[in-house]
């Protein structure tokens, strides 16, 4: 009842339909970004973090481009495809050897890691995202890539449980990585995505606004 009441009040001042759609359709920005950053690169081993998404076409796309792709998620992913391997496991402690991957990409996933109440997670780990980023750094080879997309704006935790990253939290998350590319996209009041600078992105509030940071990082 409290939730429905809060949504009703928010709906008076916020285009909740646009925000709701953006949470599902930000993939229209994120998936092409991953392909853009990998375009023209020599195929190798890639890890899809949080692979179990009903709209995930990245793994089969990369396999078609000659990549050998692993997918890791706490939920099973029902996709059988030569060149695609799935692992049901936690990204905070993976079974992979040091430097195993050339690329790890993490699309709107790391913000959920360690937060209870979703995806069957019951134990709270406030720094689960930081632990995950450290583990990803371990399993990426020297000079390898980490392609990351996350919600960005006024920092905090919103429900359903996910982190919104501000500059301070993002700096913690990417410590030990070199940022080689970054951009921000914001959903406007009409439900349209457009690119913004970091200053505008940092003012976004959720609920009430959706901004996504897209980044390519290299392991140093």
N, C-alpha and C. Protein backbone atom coordinates (compact mmCIF):
# COMPACT_ATOMS: atom_id res chain seq x y z
N UNK A 1 0.83 -1.20 0.00
CA UNK A 1 0.00 0.00 0.00
C UNK A 1 0.86 1.25 0.00
N UNK A 2 1.94 1.22 0.83
CA UNK A 2 2.84 2.37 0.86
C UNK A 2 3.51 2.56 -0.49
N UNK A 3 3.91 1.46 -1.11
CA UNK A 3 4.58 1.54 -2.41
C UNK A 3 3.62 2.13 -3.45
N UNK A 4 2.37 1.61 -3.48
CA UNK A 4 1.41 2.12 -4.45
C UNK A 4 1.12 3.59 -4.22
N UNK A 5 1.06 3.98 -2.94
CA UNK A 5 0.84 5.39 -2.63
C UNK A 5 1.98 6.27 -3.10
N UNK A 6 3.22 5.80 -2.88
CA UNK A 6 4.39 6.57 -3.30
C UNK A 6 4.43 6.70 -4.82
N UNK A 7 4.11 5.61 -5.52
CA UNK A 7 4.10 5.65 -6.98
C UNK A 7 3.03 6.62 -7.47
N UNK A 8 1.87 6.62 -6.81
CA UNK A 8 0.81 7.54 -7.20
C UNK A 8 1.22 8.99 -7.06
N UNK A 9 1.88 9.31 -5.94
CA UNK A 9 2.35 10.68 -5.73
C UNK A 9 3.43 11.04 -6.74
N UNK A 10 4.39 10.12 -6.96
CA UNK A 10 5.46 10.38 -7.92
C UNK A 10 4.89 10.60 -9.31
N UNK A 11 3.83 9.87 -9.65
CA UNK A 11 3.25 9.99 -10.97
C UNK A 11 2.66 11.35 -11.26
N UNK A 12 2.40 12.14 -10.22
CA UNK A 12 1.89 13.49 -10.42
C UNK A 12 2.95 14.44 -10.97
N UNK A 13 4.23 14.13 -10.71
CA UNK A 13 5.30 15.05 -11.10
C UNK A 13 6.34 14.41 -12.01
N UNK A 14 6.26 13.10 -12.22
CA UNK A 14 7.27 12.39 -13.00
C UNK A 14 6.58 11.55 -14.06
N UNK A 15 7.16 11.50 -15.23
CA UNK A 15 6.67 10.62 -16.30
C UNK A 15 7.14 9.21 -16.00
N UNK A 16 6.41 8.50 -15.13
CA UNK A 16 6.85 7.18 -14.69
C UNK A 16 6.85 6.17 -15.82
N UNK A 17 5.94 6.33 -16.79
CA UNK A 17 5.93 5.40 -17.92
C UNK A 17 7.23 5.50 -18.70
N UNK A 18 7.71 6.74 -18.89
CA UNK A 18 8.98 6.92 -19.62
C UNK A 18 10.14 6.36 -18.82
N UNK A 19 10.13 6.61 -17.50
CA UNK A 19 11.22 6.10 -16.66
C UNK A 19 11.22 4.58 -16.65
N UNK A 20 10.02 4.00 -16.50
CA UNK A 20 9.91 2.55 -16.49
C UNK A 20 10.40 1.95 -17.79
N UNK A 21 10.00 2.56 -18.91
CA UNK A 21 10.45 2.07 -20.20
C UNK A 21 11.95 2.19 -20.35
N UNK A 22 12.52 3.28 -19.81
CA UNK A 22 13.96 3.49 -19.94
C UNK A 22 14.73 2.42 -19.21
N UNK A 23 14.21 2.01 -18.03
CA UNK A 23 14.92 0.98 -17.28
C UNK A 23 15.01 -0.31 -18.08
N UNK A 24 14.01 -0.55 -18.93
CA UNK A 24 14.05 -1.74 -19.77
C UNK A 24 14.80 -1.47 -21.07
N UNK A 25 14.63 -0.27 -21.62
CA UNK A 25 15.11 0.01 -22.95
C UNK A 25 16.43 0.76 -23.00
N UNK A 26 17.08 0.97 -21.86
CA UNK A 26 18.42 1.55 -21.91
C UNK A 26 19.37 0.64 -22.66
N UNK A 27 18.97 -0.63 -22.88
CA UNK A 27 19.79 -1.54 -23.67
C UNK A 27 19.98 -1.02 -25.09
N UNK A 28 19.05 -0.18 -25.55
CA UNK A 28 19.18 0.36 -26.90
C UNK A 28 20.39 1.29 -27.00
N UNK A 29 20.85 1.80 -25.86
CA UNK A 29 22.07 2.60 -25.78
C UNK A 29 23.26 1.72 -25.44
N UNK A 30 23.06 0.80 -24.50
CA UNK A 30 24.17 0.06 -23.91
C UNK A 30 24.73 -1.04 -24.82
N UNK A 31 23.86 -1.85 -25.39
CA UNK A 31 24.36 -2.96 -26.23
C UNK A 31 25.14 -2.45 -27.44
N UNK A 32 24.63 -1.46 -28.18
CA UNK A 32 25.43 -0.95 -29.29
C UNK A 32 26.76 -0.35 -28.84
N UNK A 33 26.80 0.19 -27.61
CA UNK A 33 28.07 0.75 -27.11
C UNK A 33 29.13 -0.34 -26.99
N UNK A 34 28.74 -1.50 -26.46
CA UNK A 34 29.69 -2.61 -26.33
C UNK A 34 30.21 -3.01 -27.71
N UNK A 35 29.30 -3.16 -28.68
CA UNK A 35 29.71 -3.55 -30.02
C UNK A 35 30.58 -2.49 -30.67
N UNK A 36 30.26 -1.23 -30.43
CA UNK A 36 31.07 -0.12 -30.96
C UNK A 36 32.49 -0.19 -30.45
N UNK A 37 32.65 -0.43 -29.15
CA UNK A 37 34.00 -0.43 -28.56
C UNK A 37 34.81 -1.65 -28.99
N UNK A 38 34.13 -2.73 -29.40
CA UNK A 38 34.84 -3.93 -29.82
C UNK A 38 34.98 -4.03 -31.34
N UNK A 39 34.35 -3.12 -32.05
CA UNK A 39 34.40 -3.17 -33.51
C UNK A 39 35.84 -3.06 -34.02
N UNK A 40 36.20 -3.96 -34.89
CA UNK A 40 37.54 -3.93 -35.48
C UNK A 40 38.62 -4.56 -34.63
N UNK A 41 38.27 -5.04 -33.43
CA UNK A 41 39.26 -5.65 -32.56
C UNK A 41 39.43 -7.13 -32.91
N UNK A 42 40.63 -7.64 -32.72
CA UNK A 42 40.88 -9.06 -32.94
C UNK A 42 40.06 -9.87 -31.94
N UNK A 43 39.22 -10.81 -32.41
CA UNK A 43 38.40 -11.59 -31.48
C UNK A 43 39.26 -12.40 -30.51
N UNK A 44 38.76 -12.54 -29.29
CA UNK A 44 39.45 -13.32 -28.27
C UNK A 44 38.42 -13.88 -27.31
N UNK A 45 38.75 -13.89 -26.02
CA UNK A 45 37.83 -14.38 -25.01
C UNK A 45 37.13 -13.21 -24.34
N UNK A 46 35.81 -13.32 -24.23
CA UNK A 46 35.01 -12.27 -23.60
C UNK A 46 34.11 -12.88 -22.53
N UNK A 47 33.88 -12.11 -21.49
CA UNK A 47 32.97 -12.52 -20.42
C UNK A 47 31.81 -11.54 -20.35
N UNK A 48 30.59 -12.08 -20.41
CA UNK A 48 29.35 -11.31 -20.28
C UNK A 48 28.88 -11.45 -18.83
N UNK A 49 29.00 -10.38 -18.06
CA UNK A 49 28.60 -10.39 -16.65
C UNK A 49 27.12 -10.02 -16.55
N UNK A 50 26.35 -10.90 -15.92
CA UNK A 50 24.91 -10.69 -15.86
C UNK A 50 24.25 -11.08 -17.16
N UNK A 51 24.68 -12.19 -17.73
CA UNK A 51 24.27 -12.58 -19.08
C UNK A 51 22.78 -12.88 -19.20
N UNK A 52 22.14 -13.28 -18.10
CA UNK A 52 20.75 -13.72 -18.16
C UNK A 52 19.80 -12.53 -18.20
N UNK A 53 19.67 -11.98 -19.38
CA UNK A 53 18.72 -10.89 -19.63
C UNK A 53 17.94 -11.30 -20.87
N UNK A 54 16.62 -11.20 -20.80
CA UNK A 54 15.79 -11.71 -21.89
C UNK A 54 16.07 -11.01 -23.21
N UNK A 55 16.61 -9.80 -23.17
CA UNK A 55 16.88 -9.06 -24.41
C UNK A 55 18.35 -9.14 -24.82
N UNK A 56 19.15 -9.97 -24.15
CA UNK A 56 20.60 -10.00 -24.39
C UNK A 56 20.93 -10.63 -25.74
N UNK A 57 21.33 -9.80 -26.68
CA UNK A 57 21.78 -10.32 -27.97
C UNK A 57 23.29 -10.18 -28.14
N UNK A 58 23.98 -9.70 -27.11
CA UNK A 58 25.42 -9.46 -27.24
C UNK A 58 26.21 -10.75 -27.40
N UNK A 59 25.93 -11.74 -26.55
CA UNK A 59 26.70 -12.99 -26.62
C UNK A 59 26.61 -13.64 -28.00
N UNK A 60 25.41 -13.88 -28.55
CA UNK A 60 25.35 -14.48 -29.87
C UNK A 60 25.95 -13.59 -30.96
N UNK A 61 25.85 -12.27 -30.80
CA UNK A 61 26.44 -11.35 -31.78
C UNK A 61 27.95 -11.47 -31.79
N UNK A 62 28.56 -11.50 -30.60
CA UNK A 62 30.01 -11.61 -30.52
C UNK A 62 30.50 -12.97 -31.00
N UNK A 63 29.76 -14.03 -30.69
CA UNK A 63 30.12 -15.35 -31.20
C UNK A 63 30.13 -15.33 -32.72
N UNK A 64 29.14 -14.69 -33.32
CA UNK A 64 29.07 -14.59 -34.78
C UNK A 64 30.24 -13.80 -35.35
N UNK A 65 30.82 -12.92 -34.53
CA UNK A 65 31.96 -12.12 -34.96
C UNK A 65 33.29 -12.83 -34.71
N UNK A 66 33.23 -14.06 -34.16
CA UNK A 66 34.45 -14.84 -33.96
C UNK A 66 34.96 -14.87 -32.54
N UNK A 67 34.26 -14.25 -31.60
CA UNK A 67 34.68 -14.25 -30.21
C UNK A 67 34.27 -15.57 -29.54
N UNK A 68 35.05 -15.98 -28.54
CA UNK A 68 34.66 -17.06 -27.64
C UNK A 68 34.12 -16.40 -26.38
N UNK A 69 32.86 -16.65 -26.08
CA UNK A 69 32.16 -15.87 -25.06
C UNK A 69 31.72 -16.77 -23.91
N UNK A 70 31.98 -16.30 -22.70
CA UNK A 70 31.44 -16.90 -21.48
C UNK A 70 30.38 -15.96 -20.93
N UNK A 71 29.37 -16.53 -20.30
CA UNK A 71 28.37 -15.73 -19.60
C UNK A 71 28.31 -16.17 -18.15
N UNK A 72 28.31 -15.20 -17.24
CA UNK A 72 28.21 -15.53 -15.81
C UNK A 72 27.03 -14.79 -15.21
N UNK A 73 26.26 -15.51 -14.41
CA UNK A 73 25.09 -14.93 -13.76
C UNK A 73 24.74 -15.85 -12.59
N UNK A 74 24.02 -15.30 -11.60
CA UNK A 74 23.54 -16.14 -10.50
C UNK A 74 22.32 -16.93 -10.93
N UNK A 75 21.78 -16.63 -12.11
CA UNK A 75 20.65 -17.36 -12.67
C UNK A 75 21.10 -18.08 -13.93
N UNK A 76 20.52 -19.26 -14.23
CA UNK A 76 20.90 -19.96 -15.46
C UNK A 76 20.39 -19.24 -16.69
N UNK A 77 21.14 -19.38 -17.78
CA UNK A 77 20.79 -18.74 -19.05
C UNK A 77 20.55 -19.85 -20.07
N UNK A 78 19.32 -19.95 -20.56
CA UNK A 78 18.94 -21.05 -21.45
C UNK A 78 19.27 -20.72 -22.90
N UNK A 79 20.57 -20.68 -23.20
CA UNK A 79 21.00 -20.46 -24.57
C UNK A 79 22.11 -21.46 -24.90
N UNK A 80 21.83 -22.33 -25.84
CA UNK A 80 22.84 -23.28 -26.30
C UNK A 80 23.37 -22.80 -27.64
N UNK A 81 24.68 -22.51 -27.68
CA UNK A 81 25.28 -21.93 -28.87
C UNK A 81 26.75 -22.28 -28.88
N UNK A 82 27.23 -22.84 -29.98
CA UNK A 82 28.65 -23.16 -30.09
C UNK A 82 29.47 -21.87 -29.92
N UNK A 83 30.47 -21.95 -29.05
CA UNK A 83 31.29 -20.77 -28.78
C UNK A 83 30.81 -19.92 -27.62
N UNK A 84 29.68 -20.33 -27.00
CA UNK A 84 29.14 -19.61 -25.84
C UNK A 84 29.05 -20.57 -24.67
N UNK A 85 29.66 -20.19 -23.54
CA UNK A 85 29.72 -21.04 -22.36
C UNK A 85 29.08 -20.28 -21.20
N UNK A 86 28.20 -20.94 -20.46
CA UNK A 86 27.55 -20.27 -19.34
C UNK A 86 28.01 -20.86 -18.02
N UNK A 87 28.14 -19.97 -17.03
CA UNK A 87 28.54 -20.36 -15.69
C UNK A 87 27.55 -19.72 -14.71
N UNK A 88 26.93 -20.54 -13.87
CA UNK A 88 26.07 -20.02 -12.81
C UNK A 88 26.94 -19.81 -11.59
N UNK A 89 27.30 -18.55 -11.33
CA UNK A 89 28.23 -18.25 -10.25
C UNK A 89 28.16 -16.77 -9.92
N UNK A 90 28.91 -16.39 -8.91
CA UNK A 90 28.94 -15.02 -8.40
C UNK A 90 30.15 -14.30 -8.97
N UNK A 91 29.95 -13.13 -9.56
CA UNK A 91 31.05 -12.39 -10.16
C UNK A 91 32.06 -11.91 -9.12
N UNK A 92 31.70 -11.95 -7.84
CA UNK A 92 32.64 -11.53 -6.80
C UNK A 92 33.73 -12.57 -6.55
N UNK A 93 33.49 -13.81 -6.96
CA UNK A 93 34.48 -14.89 -6.75
C UNK A 93 34.27 -15.92 -7.84
N UNK A 94 34.96 -15.75 -8.96
CA UNK A 94 34.72 -16.59 -10.13
C UNK A 94 35.70 -17.76 -10.18
N UNK A 95 35.42 -18.75 -11.01
CA UNK A 95 36.32 -19.89 -11.14
C UNK A 95 37.41 -19.69 -12.19
N UNK A 96 37.50 -18.50 -12.77
CA UNK A 96 38.42 -18.29 -13.88
C UNK A 96 39.84 -17.98 -13.40
N UNK A 97 40.81 -18.37 -14.24
CA UNK A 97 42.22 -18.13 -13.92
C UNK A 97 42.56 -16.65 -14.08
N UNK A 98 43.65 -16.22 -13.46
CA UNK A 98 44.14 -14.85 -13.61
C UNK A 98 44.35 -14.54 -15.09
N UNK A 99 43.89 -13.36 -15.52
CA UNK A 99 44.15 -12.90 -16.88
C UNK A 99 43.53 -13.75 -17.97
N UNK A 100 42.46 -14.47 -17.67
CA UNK A 100 41.87 -15.41 -18.63
C UNK A 100 41.20 -14.70 -19.81
N UNK A 101 40.61 -13.52 -19.55
CA UNK A 101 39.81 -12.85 -20.57
C UNK A 101 40.54 -11.66 -21.21
N UNK A 102 40.22 -11.44 -22.47
CA UNK A 102 40.67 -10.24 -23.16
C UNK A 102 39.73 -9.08 -22.88
N UNK A 103 38.44 -9.39 -22.72
CA UNK A 103 37.41 -8.37 -22.51
C UNK A 103 36.39 -8.90 -21.51
N UNK A 104 35.99 -8.05 -20.60
CA UNK A 104 34.82 -8.31 -19.76
C UNK A 104 33.87 -7.14 -19.98
N UNK A 105 32.60 -7.45 -20.24
CA UNK A 105 31.61 -6.37 -20.33
C UNK A 105 30.49 -6.64 -19.32
N UNK A 106 30.00 -5.55 -18.76
CA UNK A 106 29.05 -5.62 -17.65
C UNK A 106 27.99 -4.55 -17.90
N UNK A 107 26.85 -4.96 -18.43
CA UNK A 107 25.80 -4.03 -18.84
C UNK A 107 24.72 -3.95 -17.76
N UNK A 108 24.65 -2.81 -17.10
CA UNK A 108 23.62 -2.56 -16.08
C UNK A 108 23.45 -3.75 -15.14
N UNK A 109 24.58 -4.18 -14.57
CA UNK A 109 24.58 -5.34 -13.68
C UNK A 109 25.30 -5.06 -12.37
N UNK A 110 26.46 -4.44 -12.44
CA UNK A 110 27.30 -4.32 -11.24
C UNK A 110 26.63 -3.49 -10.16
N UNK A 111 25.69 -2.62 -10.53
CA UNK A 111 24.98 -1.80 -9.54
C UNK A 111 24.08 -2.63 -8.63
N UNK A 112 23.78 -3.87 -9.02
CA UNK A 112 22.94 -4.75 -8.20
C UNK A 112 23.74 -5.66 -7.27
N UNK A 113 25.02 -5.83 -7.56
CA UNK A 113 25.81 -6.86 -6.87
C UNK A 113 25.93 -6.54 -5.39
N UNK A 114 25.52 -7.50 -4.55
CA UNK A 114 25.63 -7.33 -3.10
C UNK A 114 24.42 -6.69 -2.45
N UNK A 115 23.41 -6.30 -3.23
CA UNK A 115 22.21 -5.70 -2.66
C UNK A 115 21.12 -6.77 -2.57
N UNK A 116 20.57 -6.96 -1.40
CA UNK A 116 19.57 -8.00 -1.19
C UNK A 116 18.20 -7.54 -1.66
N UNK A 117 17.34 -8.52 -1.93
CA UNK A 117 15.96 -8.21 -2.30
C UNK A 117 15.67 -8.38 -3.77
N UNK A 118 16.66 -8.83 -4.55
CA UNK A 118 16.44 -9.01 -5.98
C UNK A 118 17.36 -10.13 -6.47
N UNK A 119 16.91 -10.85 -7.49
CA UNK A 119 17.70 -11.94 -8.09
C UNK A 119 18.08 -13.01 -7.07
N UNK A 120 17.24 -13.18 -6.06
CA UNK A 120 17.47 -14.22 -5.07
C UNK A 120 18.54 -13.90 -4.04
N UNK A 121 19.03 -12.67 -4.02
CA UNK A 121 20.09 -12.28 -3.08
C UNK A 121 19.46 -11.96 -1.73
N UNK A 122 19.97 -12.59 -0.67
CA UNK A 122 19.42 -12.39 0.67
C UNK A 122 20.43 -11.79 1.65
N UNK A 123 21.71 -11.87 1.33
CA UNK A 123 22.75 -11.37 2.23
C UNK A 123 23.27 -10.04 1.71
N UNK A 124 23.19 -9.02 2.52
CA UNK A 124 23.60 -7.67 2.10
C UNK A 124 25.13 -7.54 2.13
N UNK A 125 25.67 -6.98 1.07
CA UNK A 125 27.11 -6.72 0.94
C UNK A 125 27.26 -5.33 0.33
N UNK A 126 27.34 -4.29 1.16
CA UNK A 126 27.34 -2.91 0.65
C UNK A 126 28.42 -2.62 -0.36
N UNK A 127 29.57 -3.28 -0.26
CA UNK A 127 30.66 -3.06 -1.20
C UNK A 127 30.80 -4.21 -2.20
N UNK A 128 29.71 -4.91 -2.46
CA UNK A 128 29.75 -6.01 -3.40
C UNK A 128 30.18 -5.60 -4.78
N UNK A 129 29.79 -4.39 -5.20
CA UNK A 129 30.20 -3.90 -6.53
C UNK A 129 31.70 -3.67 -6.60
N UNK A 130 32.29 -3.17 -5.52
CA UNK A 130 33.73 -2.93 -5.49
C UNK A 130 34.48 -4.26 -5.54
N UNK A 131 34.00 -5.24 -4.78
CA UNK A 131 34.60 -6.57 -4.82
C UNK A 131 34.51 -7.16 -6.22
N UNK A 132 33.37 -6.99 -6.87
CA UNK A 132 33.19 -7.51 -8.24
C UNK A 132 34.18 -6.87 -9.20
N UNK A 133 34.37 -5.55 -9.10
CA UNK A 133 35.31 -4.86 -9.99
C UNK A 133 36.73 -5.35 -9.77
N UNK A 134 37.09 -5.64 -8.54
CA UNK A 134 38.43 -6.18 -8.24
C UNK A 134 38.59 -7.57 -8.84
N UNK A 135 37.54 -8.40 -8.75
CA UNK A 135 37.60 -9.74 -9.33
C UNK A 135 37.70 -9.66 -10.86
N UNK A 136 36.96 -8.74 -11.45
CA UNK A 136 37.05 -8.57 -12.90
C UNK A 136 38.45 -8.16 -13.30
N UNK A 137 39.07 -7.31 -12.52
CA UNK A 137 40.44 -6.88 -12.82
C UNK A 137 41.40 -8.08 -12.75
N UNK A 138 41.14 -9.00 -11.83
CA UNK A 138 41.99 -10.18 -11.70
C UNK A 138 41.91 -11.08 -12.94
N UNK A 139 40.73 -11.25 -13.49
CA UNK A 139 40.54 -12.22 -14.57
C UNK A 139 40.72 -11.62 -15.96
N UNK A 140 40.97 -10.31 -16.04
CA UNK A 140 41.28 -9.68 -17.33
C UNK A 140 42.79 -9.60 -17.49
N UNK A 141 43.29 -9.92 -18.66
CA UNK A 141 44.73 -9.87 -18.91
C UNK A 141 45.24 -8.43 -18.84
N UNK A 142 46.53 -8.26 -18.64
CA UNK A 142 47.14 -6.93 -18.67
C UNK A 142 46.86 -6.28 -20.01
N UNK A 143 46.37 -5.05 -19.97
CA UNK A 143 46.00 -4.35 -21.19
C UNK A 143 44.62 -4.69 -21.70
N UNK A 144 43.95 -5.65 -21.03
CA UNK A 144 42.61 -6.05 -21.44
C UNK A 144 41.58 -4.98 -21.11
N UNK A 145 40.35 -5.22 -21.56
CA UNK A 145 39.30 -4.20 -21.49
C UNK A 145 38.17 -4.59 -20.54
N UNK A 146 37.60 -3.57 -19.94
CA UNK A 146 36.41 -3.71 -19.12
C UNK A 146 35.42 -2.67 -19.63
N UNK A 147 34.33 -3.13 -20.24
CA UNK A 147 33.31 -2.23 -20.76
C UNK A 147 32.14 -2.26 -19.79
N UNK A 148 31.77 -1.09 -19.30
CA UNK A 148 30.89 -0.97 -18.15
C UNK A 148 29.79 0.04 -18.43
N UNK A 149 28.55 -0.32 -18.10
CA UNK A 149 27.45 0.65 -18.14
C UNK A 149 26.73 0.61 -16.80
N UNK A 150 26.42 1.80 -16.26
CA UNK A 150 25.83 1.90 -14.93
C UNK A 150 24.90 3.11 -14.87
N UNK A 151 23.93 3.10 -13.94
CA UNK A 151 23.13 4.31 -13.71
C UNK A 151 23.96 5.36 -13.01
N UNK A 152 23.81 6.61 -13.41
CA UNK A 152 24.66 7.69 -12.89
C UNK A 152 23.78 8.88 -12.52
N UNK A 153 24.21 9.61 -11.50
CA UNK A 153 23.49 10.81 -11.10
C UNK A 153 23.75 11.13 -9.64
N UNK A 154 22.70 11.55 -8.93
CA UNK A 154 22.80 11.80 -7.50
C UNK A 154 22.91 10.44 -6.81
N UNK A 155 24.04 10.21 -6.16
CA UNK A 155 24.36 8.87 -5.65
C UNK A 155 23.42 8.38 -4.58
N UNK A 156 23.29 7.07 -4.51
CA UNK A 156 22.46 6.45 -3.48
C UNK A 156 21.98 5.09 -3.93
N UNK A 157 21.04 4.53 -3.18
CA UNK A 157 20.45 3.24 -3.50
C UNK A 157 18.95 3.44 -3.64
N UNK A 158 18.39 2.94 -4.73
CA UNK A 158 16.96 3.07 -4.98
C UNK A 158 16.36 1.66 -5.08
N UNK A 159 15.05 1.58 -4.98
CA UNK A 159 14.33 0.32 -5.07
C UNK A 159 13.61 0.24 -6.41
N UNK A 160 13.54 -0.95 -7.07
CA UNK A 160 14.17 -2.19 -6.62
C UNK A 160 15.67 -2.03 -6.55
N UNK A 161 16.34 -2.78 -5.66
CA UNK A 161 17.66 -2.41 -5.20
C UNK A 161 18.71 -2.30 -6.31
N UNK A 162 19.20 -1.07 -6.46
CA UNK A 162 20.34 -0.82 -7.32
C UNK A 162 21.02 0.45 -6.86
N UNK A 163 22.31 0.56 -7.14
CA UNK A 163 23.06 1.76 -6.80
C UNK A 163 22.97 2.76 -7.94
N UNK A 164 22.88 4.03 -7.59
CA UNK A 164 23.09 5.10 -8.54
C UNK A 164 24.47 5.65 -8.24
N UNK A 165 25.33 5.71 -9.23
CA UNK A 165 26.72 6.11 -9.01
C UNK A 165 26.89 7.61 -9.16
N UNK A 166 27.62 8.20 -8.23
CA UNK A 166 28.11 9.57 -8.39
C UNK A 166 29.62 9.48 -8.62
N UNK A 167 30.27 10.63 -8.73
CA UNK A 167 31.69 10.63 -9.05
C UNK A 167 32.51 9.90 -8.00
N UNK A 168 32.20 10.09 -6.72
CA UNK A 168 32.99 9.47 -5.66
C UNK A 168 32.89 7.94 -5.72
N UNK A 169 31.66 7.43 -5.88
CA UNK A 169 31.49 5.98 -5.92
C UNK A 169 32.09 5.40 -7.21
N UNK A 170 31.96 6.13 -8.30
CA UNK A 170 32.53 5.66 -9.56
C UNK A 170 34.05 5.59 -9.48
N UNK A 171 34.67 6.56 -8.81
CA UNK A 171 36.13 6.53 -8.65
C UNK A 171 36.56 5.30 -7.85
N UNK A 172 35.79 4.94 -6.82
CA UNK A 172 36.10 3.73 -6.06
C UNK A 172 35.96 2.49 -6.93
N UNK A 173 34.89 2.46 -7.73
CA UNK A 173 34.60 1.30 -8.56
C UNK A 173 35.69 1.07 -9.60
N UNK A 174 36.25 2.14 -10.14
CA UNK A 174 37.20 2.03 -11.26
C UNK A 174 38.65 2.20 -10.83
N UNK A 175 38.90 2.13 -9.54
CA UNK A 175 40.29 2.25 -9.07
C UNK A 175 41.14 1.11 -9.64
N UNK A 176 42.31 1.46 -10.16
CA UNK A 176 43.19 0.47 -10.75
C UNK A 176 42.96 0.26 -12.24
N UNK A 177 42.00 0.98 -12.80
CA UNK A 177 41.71 0.92 -14.23
C UNK A 177 42.02 2.27 -14.88
N UNK A 178 42.38 2.23 -16.14
CA UNK A 178 42.55 3.46 -16.93
C UNK A 178 41.30 3.68 -17.78
N UNK A 179 40.67 4.84 -17.62
CA UNK A 179 39.49 5.15 -18.43
C UNK A 179 39.93 5.67 -19.79
N UNK A 180 39.57 4.95 -20.85
CA UNK A 180 39.97 5.35 -22.19
C UNK A 180 38.81 5.96 -22.98
N UNK A 181 37.59 5.73 -22.52
CA UNK A 181 36.43 6.33 -23.19
C UNK A 181 35.27 6.39 -22.22
N UNK A 182 34.49 7.48 -22.31
CA UNK A 182 33.34 7.61 -21.41
C UNK A 182 32.34 8.57 -22.03
N UNK A 183 31.07 8.22 -21.91
CA UNK A 183 30.03 9.18 -22.27
C UNK A 183 28.77 8.89 -21.46
N UNK A 184 27.83 9.85 -21.49
CA UNK A 184 26.62 9.77 -20.67
C UNK A 184 25.40 10.01 -21.56
N UNK A 185 24.34 9.25 -21.30
CA UNK A 185 23.08 9.44 -22.00
C UNK A 185 21.97 9.61 -20.97
N UNK A 186 21.07 10.55 -21.25
CA UNK A 186 19.99 10.87 -20.33
C UNK A 186 18.65 10.71 -21.03
N UNK A 187 17.67 10.22 -20.28
CA UNK A 187 16.31 10.12 -20.79
C UNK A 187 15.56 11.40 -20.45
N UNK A 188 15.06 12.13 -21.47
CA UNK A 188 14.38 13.39 -21.20
C UNK A 188 12.92 13.14 -20.83
N UNK A 189 12.19 14.21 -20.60
CA UNK A 189 10.81 14.10 -20.13
C UNK A 189 9.88 13.50 -21.17
N UNK A 190 10.30 13.52 -22.42
CA UNK A 190 9.48 12.94 -23.49
C UNK A 190 9.82 11.47 -23.74
N UNK A 191 10.74 10.93 -22.94
CA UNK A 191 11.10 9.53 -23.11
C UNK A 191 12.11 9.30 -24.21
N UNK A 192 12.90 10.35 -24.55
CA UNK A 192 13.92 10.23 -25.59
C UNK A 192 15.30 10.29 -24.97
N UNK A 193 16.20 9.43 -25.45
CA UNK A 193 17.58 9.42 -24.99
C UNK A 193 18.40 10.45 -25.76
N UNK A 194 19.27 11.17 -25.04
CA UNK A 194 20.21 12.05 -25.72
C UNK A 194 21.49 12.14 -24.89
N UNK A 195 22.60 12.45 -25.56
CA UNK A 195 23.89 12.52 -24.88
C UNK A 195 24.01 13.82 -24.11
N UNK A 196 24.59 13.73 -22.89
CA UNK A 196 24.79 14.91 -22.04
C UNK A 196 26.22 14.89 -21.52
N UNK A 197 26.66 16.03 -20.97
CA UNK A 197 27.99 16.04 -20.35
C UNK A 197 27.87 15.54 -18.91
N UNK A 198 29.02 15.34 -18.28
CA UNK A 198 29.00 14.75 -16.93
C UNK A 198 28.31 15.65 -15.92
N UNK A 199 28.45 16.95 -16.07
CA UNK A 199 27.83 17.88 -15.12
C UNK A 199 26.31 17.72 -15.12
N UNK A 200 25.73 17.61 -16.31
CA UNK A 200 24.28 17.40 -16.38
C UNK A 200 23.91 16.00 -15.89
N UNK A 201 24.71 15.02 -16.25
CA UNK A 201 24.44 13.65 -15.81
C UNK A 201 24.43 13.56 -14.29
N UNK A 202 25.33 14.29 -13.65
CA UNK A 202 25.47 14.22 -12.19
C UNK A 202 24.25 14.77 -11.46
N UNK A 203 23.41 15.55 -12.15
CA UNK A 203 22.23 16.13 -11.50
C UNK A 203 21.00 15.22 -11.59
N UNK A 204 21.09 14.13 -12.32
CA UNK A 204 19.93 13.25 -12.52
C UNK A 204 19.54 12.58 -11.21
N UNK A 205 18.24 12.52 -10.96
CA UNK A 205 17.72 11.84 -9.78
C UNK A 205 16.80 10.70 -10.21
N UNK A 206 16.88 9.59 -9.50
CA UNK A 206 16.04 8.44 -9.77
C UNK A 206 15.29 8.06 -8.49
N UNK A 207 13.94 7.92 -8.50
CA UNK A 207 13.08 8.10 -9.66
C UNK A 207 12.96 9.57 -10.05
N UNK A 208 12.60 9.80 -11.29
CA UNK A 208 12.46 11.16 -11.79
C UNK A 208 13.41 11.44 -12.93
N UNK A 209 14.37 10.59 -13.14
CA UNK A 209 15.30 10.77 -14.24
C UNK A 209 16.15 9.54 -14.38
N UNK A 210 16.61 9.29 -15.58
CA UNK A 210 17.46 8.14 -15.84
C UNK A 210 18.66 8.61 -16.65
N UNK A 211 19.85 8.38 -16.11
CA UNK A 211 21.07 8.69 -16.84
C UNK A 211 21.98 7.47 -16.77
N UNK A 212 22.59 7.13 -17.88
CA UNK A 212 23.46 5.97 -17.96
C UNK A 212 24.87 6.43 -18.32
N UNK A 213 25.85 5.96 -17.55
CA UNK A 213 27.26 6.17 -17.89
C UNK A 213 27.76 4.94 -18.64
N UNK A 214 28.46 5.19 -19.75
CA UNK A 214 29.03 4.12 -20.56
C UNK A 214 30.52 4.34 -20.62
N UNK A 215 31.30 3.30 -20.29
CA UNK A 215 32.74 3.47 -20.13
C UNK A 215 33.50 2.29 -20.70
N UNK A 216 34.67 2.60 -21.25
CA UNK A 216 35.64 1.57 -21.57
C UNK A 216 36.89 1.81 -20.71
N UNK A 217 37.29 0.79 -19.98
CA UNK A 217 38.43 0.85 -19.08
C UNK A 217 39.47 -0.17 -19.53
N UNK A 218 40.73 0.15 -19.31
CA UNK A 218 41.81 -0.79 -19.61
C UNK A 218 42.52 -1.17 -18.32
N UNK A 219 42.91 -2.43 -18.23
CA UNK A 219 43.64 -2.90 -17.05
C UNK A 219 45.10 -2.45 -17.15
N UNK A 220 45.54 -1.74 -16.10
CA UNK A 220 46.92 -1.23 -16.08
C UNK A 220 47.76 -2.09 -15.16
